[in-house]
C-alpha atoms as a PDB file:
ATOM      1  CA  UNK A   1      13.798  11.558   4.215  1.00  0.00           C
ATOM      2  CA  UNK A   2      14.173   7.796   3.845  1.00  0.00           C
ATOM      3  CA  UNK A   3      12.273   6.280   0.934  1.00  0.00           C
ATOM      4  CA  UNK A   4      11.632   2.587   0.836  1.00  0.00           C
ATOM      5  CA  UNK A   5      11.562   0.916  -2.539  1.00  0.00           C
ATOM      6  CA  UNK A   6       9.957  -2.387  -3.414  1.00  0.00           C
ATOM      7  CA  UNK A   7      12.192  -5.325  -4.248  1.00  0.00           C
ATOM      8  CA  UNK A   8      13.316  -5.316  -7.863  1.00  0.00           C
ATOM      9  CA  UNK A   9      12.299  -8.136 -10.093  1.00  0.00           C
ATOM     10  CA  UNK A  10      14.992  -9.841 -12.123  1.00  0.00           C
ATOM     11  CA  UNK A  11      12.407 -10.974 -14.666  1.00  0.00           C
ATOM     12  CA  UNK A  12      11.552  -8.219 -17.126  1.00  0.00           C
ATOM     13  CA  UNK A  13       8.587 -10.012 -18.686  1.00  0.00           C
ATOM     14  CA  UNK A  14       5.154  -8.651 -17.973  1.00  0.00           C
ATOM     15  CA  UNK A  15       3.266 -11.754 -19.149  1.00  0.00           C
ATOM     16  CA  UNK A  16       2.195 -12.786 -15.639  1.00  0.00           C
ATOM     17  CA  UNK A  17       0.815  -9.375 -14.614  1.00  0.00           C
ATOM     18  CA  UNK A  18      -2.767  -9.457 -13.383  1.00  0.00           C
ATOM     19  CA  UNK A  19      -4.521  -6.310 -14.611  1.00  0.00           C
ATOM     20  CA  UNK A  20      -7.559  -6.899 -12.408  1.00  0.00           C
ATOM     21  CA  UNK A  21      -8.341  -3.702 -10.480  1.00  0.00           C
ATOM     22  CA  UNK A  22      -7.750  -3.890  -6.746  1.00  0.00           C
ATOM     23  CA  UNK A  23     -10.752  -3.359  -4.507  1.00  0.00           C
ATOM     24  CA  UNK A  24     -11.490  -3.400  -0.809  1.00  0.00           C
ATOM     25  CA  UNK A  25     -14.220  -5.949  -1.384  1.00  0.00           C
ATOM     26  CA  UNK A  26     -13.792  -9.252   0.430  1.00  0.00           C
ATOM     27  CA  UNK A  27     -12.616 -12.115  -1.724  1.00  0.00           C
ATOM     28  CA  UNK A  28     -15.080 -14.924  -2.143  1.00  0.00           C
ATOM     29  CA  UNK A  29     -12.970 -18.024  -1.557  1.00  0.00           C
ATOM     30  CA  UNK A  30     -15.370 -20.175  -3.572  1.00  0.00           C
ATOM     31  CA  UNK A  31     -14.719 -18.107  -6.686  1.00  0.00           C
ATOM     32  CA  UNK A  32     -10.971 -18.076  -6.189  1.00  0.00           C
ATOM     33  CA  UNK A  33      -9.167 -21.117  -7.422  1.00  0.00           C
ATOM     34  CA  UNK A  34      -6.497 -21.136  -4.736  1.00  0.00           C
ATOM     35  CA  UNK A  35      -4.481 -24.243  -4.340  1.00  0.00           C
ATOM     36  CA  UNK A  36      -3.435 -25.319  -0.877  1.00  0.00           C
ATOM     37  CA  UNK A  37       0.320 -25.848  -0.802  1.00  0.00           C
ATOM     38  CA  UNK A  38       1.645 -28.744   1.248  1.00  0.00           C
ATOM     39  CA  UNK A  39       5.236 -27.798   2.041  1.00  0.00           C
ATOM     40  CA  UNK A  40       6.140 -31.433   2.593  1.00  0.00           C
ATOM     41  CA  UNK A  41       5.300 -32.253  -1.024  1.00  0.00           C
ATOM     42  CA  UNK A  42       7.582 -29.568  -2.505  1.00  0.00           C
ATOM     43  CA  UNK A  43      11.024 -30.445  -3.778  1.00  0.00           C
ATOM     44  CA  UNK A  44      14.060 -28.510  -2.574  1.00  0.00           C
ATOM     45  CA  UNK A  45      14.005 -25.962  -5.398  1.00  0.00           C
ATOM     46  CA  UNK A  46      10.257 -25.322  -5.056  1.00  0.00           C
ATOM     47  CA  UNK A  47      10.674 -24.933  -1.307  1.00  0.00           C
ATOM     48  CA  UNK A  48      13.424 -22.332  -1.847  1.00  0.00           C
ATOM     49  CA  UNK A  49      11.223 -20.468  -4.330  1.00  0.00           C
ATOM     50  CA  UNK A  50       8.337 -20.581  -1.876  1.00  0.00           C
ATOM     51  CA  UNK A  51      10.500 -19.084   0.886  1.00  0.00           C
ATOM     52  CA  UNK A  52      11.843 -16.390  -1.468  1.00  0.00           C
ATOM     53  CA  UNK A  53       8.297 -15.445  -2.463  1.00  0.00           C
ATOM     54  CA  UNK A  54       7.233 -15.459   1.175  1.00  0.00           C
ATOM     55  CA  UNK A  55      10.065 -13.067   2.086  1.00  0.00           C
ATOM     56  CA  UNK A  56       9.182 -10.824  -0.862  1.00  0.00           C
ATOM     57  CA  UNK A  57       5.549 -10.733   0.252  1.00  0.00           C
ATOM     58  CA  UNK A  58       6.648  -9.859   3.794  1.00  0.00           C
ATOM     59  CA  UNK A  59       8.816  -7.035   2.429  1.00  0.00           C
ATOM     60  CA  UNK A  60       5.943  -5.800   0.269  1.00  0.00           C
ATOM     61  CA  UNK A  61       3.622  -5.893   3.277  1.00  0.00           C
ATOM     62  CA  UNK A  62       6.093  -3.778   5.272  1.00  0.00           C
ATOM     63  CA  UNK A  63       6.386  -1.250   2.436  1.00  0.00           C
ATOM     64  CA  UNK A  64       2.599  -1.038   2.118  1.00  0.00           C
ATOM     65  CA  UNK A  65       2.264  -0.545   5.887  1.00  0.00           C
ATOM     66  CA  UNK A  66       4.844   2.242   5.703  1.00  0.00           C
ATOM     67  CA  UNK A  67       3.004   3.898   2.803  1.00  0.00           C
ATOM     68  CA  UNK A  68      -0.278   3.664   4.663  1.00  0.00           C
ATOM     69  CA  UNK A  69       1.279   5.270   7.733  1.00  0.00           C
ATOM     70  CA  UNK A  70       2.811   8.072   5.634  1.00  0.00           C
ATOM     71  CA  UNK A  71      -0.542   8.577   3.896  1.00  0.00           C
ATOM     72  CA  UNK A  72      -2.251   8.911   7.289  1.00  0.00           C
ATOM     73  CA  UNK A  73       0.327  11.518   8.379  1.00  0.00           C
ATOM     74  CA  UNK A  74      -0.109  13.490   5.152  1.00  0.00           C
ATOM     75  CA  UNK A  75      -3.903  13.325   5.495  1.00  0.00           C
ATOM     76  CA  UNK A  76      -3.670  14.639   9.056  1.00  0.00           C
ATOM     77  CA  UNK A  77      -1.322  17.444   7.981  1.00  0.00           C
ATOM     78  CA  UNK A  78      -3.662  18.411   5.139  1.00  0.00           C
ATOM     79  CA  UNK A  79      -6.619  18.531   7.508  1.00  0.00           C
ATOM     80  CA  UNK A  80      -4.622  20.795   9.854  1.00  0.00           C
ATOM     81  CA  UNK A  81      -3.595  23.012   6.943  1.00  0.00           C
ATOM     82  CA  UNK A  82      -7.185  23.252   5.731  1.00  0.00           C
ATOM     83  CA  UNK A  83      -8.375  24.151   9.211  1.00  0.00           C
ATOM     84  CA  UNK A  84      -5.663  26.822   9.598  1.00  0.00           C
ATOM     85  CA  UNK A  85      -6.447  28.217   6.152  1.00  0.00           C
ATOM     86  CA  UNK A  86     -10.147  28.408   6.936  1.00  0.00           C
ATOM     87  CA  UNK A  87      -9.431  30.092  10.255  1.00  0.00           C
ATOM     88  CA  UNK A  88      -7.131  32.641   8.605  1.00  0.00           C
ATOM     89  CA  UNK A  89      -9.665  33.330   5.850  1.00  0.00           C
ATOM     90  CA  UNK A  90     -12.405  33.956   8.446  1.00  0.00           C
ATOM     91  CA  UNK A  91     -10.109  36.280  10.407  1.00  0.00           C
ATOM     92  CA  UNK A  92      -9.323  38.253   7.241  1.00  0.00           C
ATOM     93  CA  UNK A  93     -13.046  38.487   6.386  1.00  0.00           C
ATOM     94  CA  UNK A  94     -13.847  39.716   9.916  1.00  0.00           C
ATOM     95  CA  UNK A  95     -11.028  42.238   9.764  1.00  0.00           C
ATOM     96  CA  UNK A  96     -12.274  43.551   6.405  1.00  0.00           C
ATOM     97  CA  UNK A  97     -15.848  43.858   7.728  1.00  0.00           C
ATOM     98  CA  UNK A  98     -14.662  45.932  10.695  1.00  0.00           C
ATOM     99  CA  UNK A  99     -13.041  48.509   8.424  1.00  0.00           C
END
């Protein structure tokens, strides 16, 4: 089985980690202080960093999509297993009642 791993960070500091819990709630753009980035205003080094981050985000998105797909497959398999188990249990109960 092929396991995908997220890109490794070369920076071992955890100072920039956002501990805010993730939710499925929509983000209110007025509350977020996002800064529009004008690529034309970036110097060469900042532009390279921007492209590296963009590629890392794309890779992360692919890994998350893969995990979501695997989760869906596992969920489906568990539902099938539960259904088979229930069916077997009912058959055993019916067989015991007939005796």
